[in-house]
């Protein structure tokens, strides 16, 4: 296949990855006491991370071998949709970059247990729990409920935000539930934005590929987030073809 076409295809893939991640964050912001439809969250985030991870691995393979990988050379049918497996491969090519933020970035990629828990939910959704209810209808044994596991993460976040006793009190009055969801959604988005930013900064400051910095215009929706802007973007207010501008946040 023509090499130029393969390079252009990878650009399109990174663009799609960023758009999927943005859509995933937008869907998190829609979760509420009245809306517990998590499937769009899982679909968008899993697709976005899978595409971004695979694009980074392809660029790294090209850096090391002077060519793009062949089918089955980095991942195969068994682990091609395994977000945790792909993330572990990404951890191997990320480095401590220059700057005051460098260690926090690397820790977010390699040592953040909350992010790993999210990646597990996304992996299991793609491989097992996507048809959780249909499996029940067919009498198939169900081993993992992504929705239930995500709700556990929401509970964990709320206990950290409010303290366990206060959190339990807030579950009683109906008018408090919207605030609970709003706060937990925001905190989860902050953690995901921090993770996405760390990955995007590897394109700029990392060394996994000498071509990676040419993707800057694509990944800056996340690479340029300032600490004080985390959790403040209304993702639904931006069209897919619009670059996110945060200067007024």
C-alpha atoms as a PDB file:
ATOM      1  CA  UNK A   1       0.000   0.000   0.000  1.00  0.00           C
ATOM      2  CA  UNK A   2       1.175   3.518  -0.781  1.00  0.00           C
ATOM      3  CA  UNK A   3       3.188   4.952   2.145  1.00  0.00           C
ATOM      4  CA  UNK A   4       1.699   8.429   1.795  1.00  0.00           C
ATOM      5  CA  UNK A   5      -1.793   6.953   2.039  1.00  0.00           C
ATOM      6  CA  UNK A   6      -0.834   5.092   5.218  1.00  0.00           C
ATOM      7  CA  UNK A   7       0.507   8.300   6.761  1.00  0.00           C
ATOM      8  CA  UNK A   8      -2.672  10.197   5.896  1.00  0.00           C
ATOM      9  CA  UNK A   9      -4.794   7.355   7.288  1.00  0.00           C
ATOM     10  CA  UNK A  10      -2.968   7.602  10.609  1.00  0.00           C
ATOM     11  CA  UNK A  11      -3.671  11.333  10.751  1.00  0.00           C
ATOM     12  CA  UNK A  12      -7.371  10.605  10.245  1.00  0.00           C
ATOM     13  CA  UNK A  13      -7.220   7.948  12.966  1.00  0.00           C
ATOM     14  CA  UNK A  14      -5.749  10.351  15.546  1.00  0.00           C
ATOM     15  CA  UNK A  15      -8.361  12.952  14.590  1.00  0.00           C
ATOM     16  CA  UNK A  16     -11.115  10.410  15.180  1.00  0.00           C
ATOM     17  CA  UNK A  17      -9.570   9.339  18.475  1.00  0.00           C
ATOM     18  CA  UNK A  18      -9.679  12.899  19.815  1.00  0.00           C
ATOM     19  CA  UNK A  19     -13.259  13.373  18.625  1.00  0.00           C
ATOM     20  CA  UNK A  20     -14.372  10.128  20.260  1.00  0.00           C
ATOM     21  CA  UNK A  21     -12.734  11.156  23.549  1.00  0.00           C
ATOM     22  CA  UNK A  22     -14.440  14.541  23.425  1.00  0.00           C
ATOM     23  CA  UNK A  23     -17.797  12.864  22.794  1.00  0.00           C
ATOM     24  CA  UNK A  24     -17.178  10.488  25.690  1.00  0.00           C
ATOM     25  CA  UNK A  25     -16.615  13.390  28.068  1.00  0.00           C
ATOM     26  CA  UNK A  26     -19.749  15.080  26.720  1.00  0.00           C
ATOM     27  CA  UNK A  27     -21.771  11.946  27.480  1.00  0.00           C
ATOM     28  CA  UNK A  28     -20.421  11.827  31.042  1.00  0.00           C
ATOM     29  CA  UNK A  29     -21.749  15.343  31.538  1.00  0.00           C
ATOM     30  CA  UNK A  30     -25.249  14.102  30.605  1.00  0.00           C
ATOM     31  CA  UNK A  31     -25.372  11.415  33.309  1.00  0.00           C
ATOM     32  CA  UNK A  32     -27.844  12.269  36.063  1.00  0.00           C
ATOM     33  CA  UNK A  33     -30.338  10.711  38.431  1.00  0.00           C
ATOM     34  CA  UNK A  34     -32.808  10.665  35.535  1.00  0.00           C
ATOM     35  CA  UNK A  35     -30.316   9.473  32.905  1.00  0.00           C
ATOM     36  CA  UNK A  36     -28.255   6.379  33.653  1.00  0.00           C
ATOM     37  CA  UNK A  37     -27.584   5.492  30.002  1.00  0.00           C
ATOM     38  CA  UNK A  38     -23.837   4.820  30.195  1.00  0.00           C
ATOM     39  CA  UNK A  39     -23.413   2.982  26.897  1.00  0.00           C
ATOM     40  CA  UNK A  40     -22.470   6.105  24.886  1.00  0.00           C
ATOM     41  CA  UNK A  41     -19.830   6.917  27.517  1.00  0.00           C
ATOM     42  CA  UNK A  42     -18.306   3.468  27.153  1.00  0.00           C
ATOM     43  CA  UNK A  43     -18.571   3.335  23.363  1.00  0.00           C
ATOM     44  CA  UNK A  44     -16.941   6.716  22.785  1.00  0.00           C
ATOM     45  CA  UNK A  45     -14.213   6.457  25.420  1.00  0.00           C
ATOM     46  CA  UNK A  46     -13.224   2.902  24.509  1.00  0.00           C
ATOM     47  CA  UNK A  47     -13.078   3.687  20.803  1.00  0.00           C
ATOM     48  CA  UNK A  48     -11.151   6.910  21.416  1.00  0.00           C
ATOM     49  CA  UNK A  49      -8.536   5.323  23.657  1.00  0.00           C
ATOM     50  CA  UNK A  50      -8.149   2.244  21.467  1.00  0.00           C
ATOM     51  CA  UNK A  51      -7.557   4.405  18.392  1.00  0.00           C
ATOM     52  CA  UNK A  52      -5.167   6.773  20.175  1.00  0.00           C
ATOM     53  CA  UNK A  53      -3.160   3.943  21.752  1.00  0.00           C
ATOM     54  CA  UNK A  54      -2.891   2.059  18.457  1.00  0.00           C
ATOM     55  CA  UNK A  55      -1.854   5.203  16.579  1.00  0.00           C
ATOM     56  CA  UNK A  56       0.911   5.857  19.118  1.00  0.00           C
ATOM     57  CA  UNK A  57       2.092   2.246  18.890  1.00  0.00           C
ATOM     58  CA  UNK A  58       2.146   2.423  15.089  1.00  0.00           C
ATOM     59  CA  UNK A  59       4.201   5.620  15.199  1.00  0.00           C
ATOM     60  CA  UNK A  60       6.608   4.052  17.674  1.00  0.00           C
ATOM     61  CA  UNK A  61       6.950   0.923  15.539  1.00  0.00           C
ATOM     62  CA  UNK A  62       7.729   3.092  12.523  1.00  0.00           C
ATOM     63  CA  UNK A  63      10.321   4.994  14.565  1.00  0.00           C
ATOM     64  CA  UNK A  64      12.086   1.787  15.583  1.00  0.00           C
ATOM     65  CA  UNK A  65      11.715  -0.216  12.375  1.00  0.00           C
ATOM     66  CA  UNK A  66      11.477   2.463   9.672  1.00  0.00           C
ATOM     67  CA  UNK A  67       8.121   1.057   8.576  1.00  0.00           C
ATOM     68  CA  UNK A  68       4.557   0.722   9.771  1.00  0.00           C
ATOM     69  CA  UNK A  69       3.610  -2.567  11.470  1.00  0.00           C
ATOM     70  CA  UNK A  70       1.922  -5.434   9.674  1.00  0.00           C
ATOM     71  CA  UNK A  71      -1.347  -7.059  10.745  1.00  0.00           C
ATOM     72  CA  UNK A  72      -0.877  -8.926  14.025  1.00  0.00           C
ATOM     73  CA  UNK A  73       2.585  -7.510  14.666  1.00  0.00           C
ATOM     74  CA  UNK A  74       1.663  -5.369  17.692  1.00  0.00           C
ATOM     75  CA  UNK A  75      -1.812  -6.636  18.635  1.00  0.00           C
ATOM     76  CA  UNK A  76      -3.968  -9.501  17.406  1.00  0.00           C
ATOM     77  CA  UNK A  77      -7.649 -10.458  17.410  1.00  0.00           C
ATOM     78  CA  UNK A  78      -7.424 -11.591  21.042  1.00  0.00           C
ATOM     79  CA  UNK A  79      -6.159  -8.319  22.505  1.00  0.00           C
ATOM     80  CA  UNK A  80      -6.879  -5.750  19.798  1.00  0.00           C
ATOM     81  CA  UNK A  81      -9.799  -4.279  21.751  1.00  0.00           C
ATOM     82  CA  UNK A  82      -8.236  -4.764  25.185  1.00  0.00           C
ATOM     83  CA  UNK A  83      -7.764  -1.206  26.451  1.00  0.00           C
ATOM     84  CA  UNK A  84      -5.680  -2.327  29.431  1.00  0.00           C
ATOM     85  CA  UNK A  85      -3.346  -4.394  27.228  1.00  0.00           C
ATOM     86  CA  UNK A  86      -2.868  -1.475  24.834  1.00  0.00           C
ATOM     87  CA  UNK A  87      -2.337   0.936  27.741  1.00  0.00           C
ATOM     88  CA  UNK A  88       0.389  -1.310  29.141  1.00  0.00           C
ATOM     89  CA  UNK A  89       2.130  -1.185  25.773  1.00  0.00           C
ATOM     90  CA  UNK A  90       1.815   2.613  25.798  1.00  0.00           C
ATOM     91  CA  UNK A  91       3.349   2.793  29.280  1.00  0.00           C
ATOM     92  CA  UNK A  92       6.476   1.157  27.850  1.00  0.00           C
ATOM     93  CA  UNK A  93       7.067   3.944  25.320  1.00  0.00           C
ATOM     94  CA  UNK A  94       6.213   6.982  27.471  1.00  0.00           C
ATOM     95  CA  UNK A  95       9.054   8.818  29.177  1.00  0.00           C
ATOM     96  CA  UNK A  96       9.612  11.489  31.803  1.00  0.00           C
ATOM     97  CA  UNK A  97       9.484  14.659  29.727  1.00  0.00           C
ATOM     98  CA  UNK A  98      11.005  18.097  30.432  1.00  0.00           C
ATOM     99  CA  UNK A  99       8.978  20.547  32.510  1.00  0.00           C
ATOM    100  CA  UNK A 100       7.501  20.918  35.974  1.00  0.00           C
ATOM    101  CA  UNK A 101       4.469  18.866  34.942  1.00  0.00           C
ATOM    102  CA  UNK A 102       6.505  15.895  33.696  1.00  0.00           C
ATOM    103  CA  UNK A 103       6.329  13.592  36.720  1.00  0.00           C
ATOM    104  CA  UNK A 104       2.617  14.169  37.193  1.00  0.00           C
ATOM    105  CA  UNK A 105       2.050  13.349  33.526  1.00  0.00           C
ATOM    106  CA  UNK A 106       4.021  10.131  33.711  1.00  0.00           C
ATOM    107  CA  UNK A 107       2.307   9.101  36.945  1.00  0.00           C
ATOM    108  CA  UNK A 108      -1.087   9.766  35.360  1.00  0.00           C
ATOM    109  CA  UNK A 109      -0.207   7.390  32.531  1.00  0.00           C
ATOM    110  CA  UNK A 110       1.587   4.665  34.468  1.00  0.00           C
ATOM    111  CA  UNK A 111       0.525   4.767  38.135  1.00  0.00           C
ATOM    112  CA  UNK A 112      -3.049   6.014  38.356  1.00  0.00           C
ATOM    113  CA  UNK A 113      -5.225   3.223  39.749  1.00  0.00           C
ATOM    114  CA  UNK A 114      -8.460   5.141  39.062  1.00  0.00           C
ATOM    115  CA  UNK A 115      -7.576   5.463  35.368  1.00  0.00           C
ATOM    116  CA  UNK A 116      -6.708   1.772  35.288  1.00  0.00           C
ATOM    117  CA  UNK A 117     -10.133   1.000  36.750  1.00  0.00           C
ATOM    118  CA  UNK A 118     -11.783   3.048  34.021  1.00  0.00           C
ATOM    119  CA  UNK A 119      -9.721   1.257  31.372  1.00  0.00           C
ATOM    120  CA  UNK A 120     -10.830  -2.073  32.848  1.00  0.00           C
ATOM    121  CA  UNK A 121     -14.488  -1.047  32.589  1.00  0.00           C
ATOM    122  CA  UNK A 122     -13.951  -0.011  28.961  1.00  0.00           C
ATOM    123  CA  UNK A 123     -12.080  -3.201  28.117  1.00  0.00           C
ATOM    124  CA  UNK A 124     -14.716  -5.427  29.648  1.00  0.00           C
ATOM    125  CA  UNK A 125     -17.497  -3.469  27.994  1.00  0.00           C
ATOM    126  CA  UNK A 126     -16.013  -4.154  24.577  1.00  0.00           C
ATOM    127  CA  UNK A 127     -15.248  -7.807  25.180  1.00  0.00           C
ATOM    128  CA  UNK A 128     -17.947  -9.044  27.566  1.00  0.00           C
ATOM    129  CA  UNK A 129     -20.530  -6.685  29.003  1.00  0.00           C
ATOM    130  CA  UNK A 130     -21.659  -4.766  25.927  1.00  0.00           C
ATOM    131  CA  UNK A 131     -24.586  -7.189  25.626  1.00  0.00           C
ATOM    132  CA  UNK A 132     -25.013  -7.789  29.349  1.00  0.00           C
ATOM    133  CA  UNK A 133     -28.819  -7.785  29.284  1.00  0.00           C
ATOM    134  CA  UNK A 134     -29.061  -9.785  26.059  1.00  0.00           C
ATOM    135  CA  UNK A 135     -26.716 -12.378  27.556  1.00  0.00           C
ATOM    136  CA  UNK A 136     -29.114 -12.657  30.485  1.00  0.00           C
ATOM    137  CA  UNK A 137     -31.985 -13.271  28.086  1.00  0.00           C
ATOM    138  CA  UNK A 138     -29.999 -16.036  26.403  1.00  0.00           C
ATOM    139  CA  UNK A 139     -29.060 -17.589  29.730  1.00  0.00           C
ATOM    140  CA  UNK A 140     -25.366 -16.869  29.314  1.00  0.00           C
ATOM    141  CA  UNK A 141     -23.293 -16.464  32.467  1.00  0.00           C
ATOM    142  CA  UNK A 142     -22.549 -12.815  33.173  1.00  0.00           C
ATOM    143  CA  UNK A 143     -19.212 -12.025  34.753  1.00  0.00           C
ATOM    144  CA  UNK A 144     -18.854  -8.260  34.471  1.00  0.00           C
ATOM    145  CA  UNK A 145     -21.398  -5.425  34.486  1.00  0.00           C
ATOM    146  CA  UNK A 146     -19.669  -2.280  33.194  1.00  0.00           C
ATOM    147  CA  UNK A 147     -22.500  -0.012  34.315  1.00  0.00           C
ATOM    148  CA  UNK A 148     -22.358  -1.363  37.864  1.00  0.00           C
ATOM    149  CA  UNK A 149     -18.558  -1.052  37.959  1.00  0.00           C
ATOM    150  CA  UNK A 150     -18.714   2.545  36.688  1.00  0.00           C
ATOM    151  CA  UNK A 151     -21.249   3.371  39.373  1.00  0.00           C
ATOM    152  CA  UNK A 152     -18.781   2.011  41.935  1.00  0.00           C
ATOM    153  CA  UNK A 153     -16.234   4.509  40.611  1.00  0.00           C
ATOM    154  CA  UNK A 154     -18.799   7.289  40.959  1.00  0.00           C
ATOM    155  CA  UNK A 155     -19.387   6.241  44.563  1.00  0.00           C
ATOM    156  CA  UNK A 156     -15.653   6.168  45.231  1.00  0.00           C
ATOM    157  CA  UNK A 157     -15.312   9.702  43.858  1.00  0.00           C
ATOM    158  CA  UNK A 158     -18.244  10.982  45.922  1.00  0.00           C
ATOM    159  CA  UNK A 159     -16.833   9.523  49.140  1.00  0.00           C
ATOM    160  CA  UNK A 160     -13.541  11.262  48.401  1.00  0.00           C
ATOM    161  CA  UNK A 161     -15.291  14.560  47.641  1.00  0.00           C
ATOM    162  CA  UNK A 162     -17.781  14.680  50.511  1.00  0.00           C
ATOM    163  CA  UNK A 163     -16.610  12.102  53.016  1.00  0.00           C
ATOM    164  CA  UNK A 164     -18.581   8.870  53.390  1.00  0.00           C
ATOM    165  CA  UNK A 165     -20.994  10.121  56.069  1.00  0.00           C
ATOM    166  CA  UNK A 166     -21.934  13.296  54.190  1.00  0.00           C
ATOM    167  CA  UNK A 167     -22.260  11.386  50.937  1.00  0.00           C
ATOM    168  CA  UNK A 168     -24.760   8.960  52.477  1.00  0.00           C
ATOM    169  CA  UNK A 169     -26.798  11.893  53.803  1.00  0.00           C
ATOM    170  CA  UNK A 170     -26.928  13.451  50.324  1.00  0.00           C
ATOM    171  CA  UNK A 171     -28.455  10.300  48.853  1.00  0.00           C
ATOM    172  CA  UNK A 172     -31.694  10.896  50.746  1.00  0.00           C
ATOM    173  CA  UNK A 173     -33.160  14.230  49.555  1.00  0.00           C
ATOM    174  CA  UNK A 174     -34.076  14.023  45.841  1.00  0.00           C
ATOM    175  CA  UNK A 175     -32.972  17.599  45.252  1.00  0.00           C
ATOM    176  CA  UNK A 176     -29.423  16.674  46.312  1.00  0.00           C
ATOM    177  CA  UNK A 177     -28.990  13.886  43.757  1.00  0.00           C
ATOM    178  CA  UNK A 178     -28.461  16.224  40.823  1.00  0.00           C
ATOM    179  CA  UNK A 179     -25.610  17.909  42.688  1.00  0.00           C
ATOM    180  CA  UNK A 180     -24.101  14.525  43.536  1.00  0.00           C
ATOM    181  CA  UNK A 181     -24.057  13.520  39.870  1.00  0.00           C
ATOM    182  CA  UNK A 182     -22.852  16.922  38.734  1.00  0.00           C
ATOM    183  CA  UNK A 183     -19.939  16.869  41.177  1.00  0.00           C
ATOM    184  CA  UNK A 184     -18.949  13.253  40.516  1.00  0.00           C
ATOM    185  CA  UNK A 185     -19.168  13.761  36.741  1.00  0.00           C
ATOM    186  CA  UNK A 186     -16.939  16.809  36.993  1.00  0.00           C
ATOM    187  CA  UNK A 187     -14.352  14.986  39.110  1.00  0.00           C
ATOM    188  CA  UNK A 188     -14.255  11.993  36.758  1.00  0.00           C
ATOM    189  CA  UNK A 189     -13.823  14.355  33.809  1.00  0.00           C
ATOM    190  CA  UNK A 190     -10.977  16.149  35.590  1.00  0.00           C
ATOM    191  CA  UNK A 191      -9.185  12.841  36.048  1.00  0.00           C
ATOM    192  CA  UNK A 192      -9.791  11.780  32.460  1.00  0.00           C
ATOM    193  CA  UNK A 193      -8.741  15.180  31.087  1.00  0.00           C
ATOM    194  CA  UNK A 194      -5.546  14.947  33.137  1.00  0.00           C
ATOM    195  CA  UNK A 195      -4.872  11.511  31.639  1.00  0.00           C
ATOM    196  CA  UNK A 196      -5.696  12.598  28.080  1.00  0.00           C
ATOM    197  CA  UNK A 197      -3.502  15.671  28.514  1.00  0.00           C
ATOM    198  CA  UNK A 198      -0.595  13.533  29.672  1.00  0.00           C
ATOM    199  CA  UNK A 199      -0.951  11.296  26.606  1.00  0.00           C
ATOM    200  CA  UNK A 200      -1.241  14.298  24.280  1.00  0.00           C
ATOM    201  CA  UNK A 201       1.860  15.910  25.776  1.00  0.00           C
ATOM    202  CA  UNK A 202       3.846  12.801  24.868  1.00  0.00           C
ATOM    203  CA  UNK A 203       3.235  13.801  21.238  1.00  0.00           C
ATOM    204  CA  UNK A 204       4.915  17.136  21.957  1.00  0.00           C
ATOM    205  CA  UNK A 205       7.578  16.345  24.546  1.00  0.00           C
ATOM    206  CA  UNK A 206       7.992  12.556  24.382  1.00  0.00           C
ATOM    207  CA  UNK A 207      10.351  10.488  22.273  1.00  0.00           C
ATOM    208  CA  UNK A 208       8.176   7.591  21.118  1.00  0.00           C
ATOM    209  CA  UNK A 209       8.234   9.022  17.581  1.00  0.00           C
ATOM    210  CA  UNK A 210      10.163  11.782  15.858  1.00  0.00           C
ATOM    211  CA  UNK A 211       7.018  12.424  13.791  1.00  0.00           C
ATOM    212  CA  UNK A 212       4.681  12.757  16.765  1.00  0.00           C
ATOM    213  CA  UNK A 213       4.990  16.525  17.131  1.00  0.00           C
ATOM    214  CA  UNK A 214       3.566  16.968  13.625  1.00  0.00           C
ATOM    215  CA  UNK A 215       0.225  15.869  15.138  1.00  0.00           C
ATOM    216  CA  UNK A 216       0.175  18.854  17.503  1.00  0.00           C
ATOM    217  CA  UNK A 217      -2.680  20.623  15.732  1.00  0.00           C
ATOM    218  CA  UNK A 218      -4.817  17.503  16.218  1.00  0.00           C
ATOM    219  CA  UNK A 219      -4.106  16.730  19.871  1.00  0.00           C
ATOM    220  CA  UNK A 220      -4.064  20.269  21.284  1.00  0.00           C
ATOM    221  CA  UNK A 221      -7.708  19.974  22.411  1.00  0.00           C
ATOM    222  CA  UNK A 222      -6.183  18.092  25.342  1.00  0.00           C
ATOM    223  CA  UNK A 223      -2.494  18.992  25.353  1.00  0.00           C
ATOM    224  CA  UNK A 224      -3.228  22.670  25.994  1.00  0.00           C
ATOM    225  CA  UNK A 225      -5.537  22.328  29.013  1.00  0.00           C
ATOM    226  CA  UNK A 226      -4.321  24.415  31.939  1.00  0.00           C
ATOM    227  CA  UNK A 227      -4.774  23.094  35.471  1.00  0.00           C
ATOM    228  CA  UNK A 228      -7.324  25.785  36.301  1.00  0.00           C
ATOM    229  CA  UNK A 229      -9.386  24.792  33.232  1.00  0.00           C
ATOM    230  CA  UNK A 230      -9.769  21.121  34.144  1.00  0.00           C
ATOM    231  CA  UNK A 231     -13.415  20.084  34.484  1.00  0.00           C
ATOM    232  CA  UNK A 232     -14.803  23.375  33.178  1.00  0.00           C
ATOM    233  CA  UNK A 233     -15.353  22.625  29.479  1.00  0.00           C
ATOM    234  CA  UNK A 234     -18.917  22.136  28.268  1.00  0.00           C
ATOM    235  CA  UNK A 235     -18.072  19.583  25.594  1.00  0.00           C
ATOM    236  CA  UNK A 236     -21.564  19.544  24.112  1.00  0.00           C
ATOM    237  CA  UNK A 237     -21.217  23.216  23.200  1.00  0.00           C
ATOM    238  CA  UNK A 238     -18.525  22.455  20.603  1.00  0.00           C
ATOM    239  CA  UNK A 239     -19.239  20.874  17.231  1.00  0.00           C
ATOM    240  CA  UNK A 240     -17.038  17.938  16.219  1.00  0.00           C
ATOM    241  CA  UNK A 241     -15.185  20.049  13.651  1.00  0.00           C
ATOM    242  CA  UNK A 242     -14.517  22.871  16.120  1.00  0.00           C
ATOM    243  CA  UNK A 243     -11.300  23.105  18.044  1.00  0.00           C
ATOM    244  CA  UNK A 244     -11.910  23.644  21.745  1.00  0.00           C
ATOM    245  CA  UNK A 245     -10.890  27.109  22.894  1.00  0.00           C
ATOM    246  CA  UNK A 246     -10.511  27.440  26.649  1.00  0.00           C
ATOM    247  CA  UNK A 247      -9.041  30.924  27.028  1.00  0.00           C
ATOM    248  CA  UNK A 248     -12.361  32.288  28.353  1.00  0.00           C
ATOM    249  CA  UNK A 249     -12.952  29.544  30.943  1.00  0.00           C
END
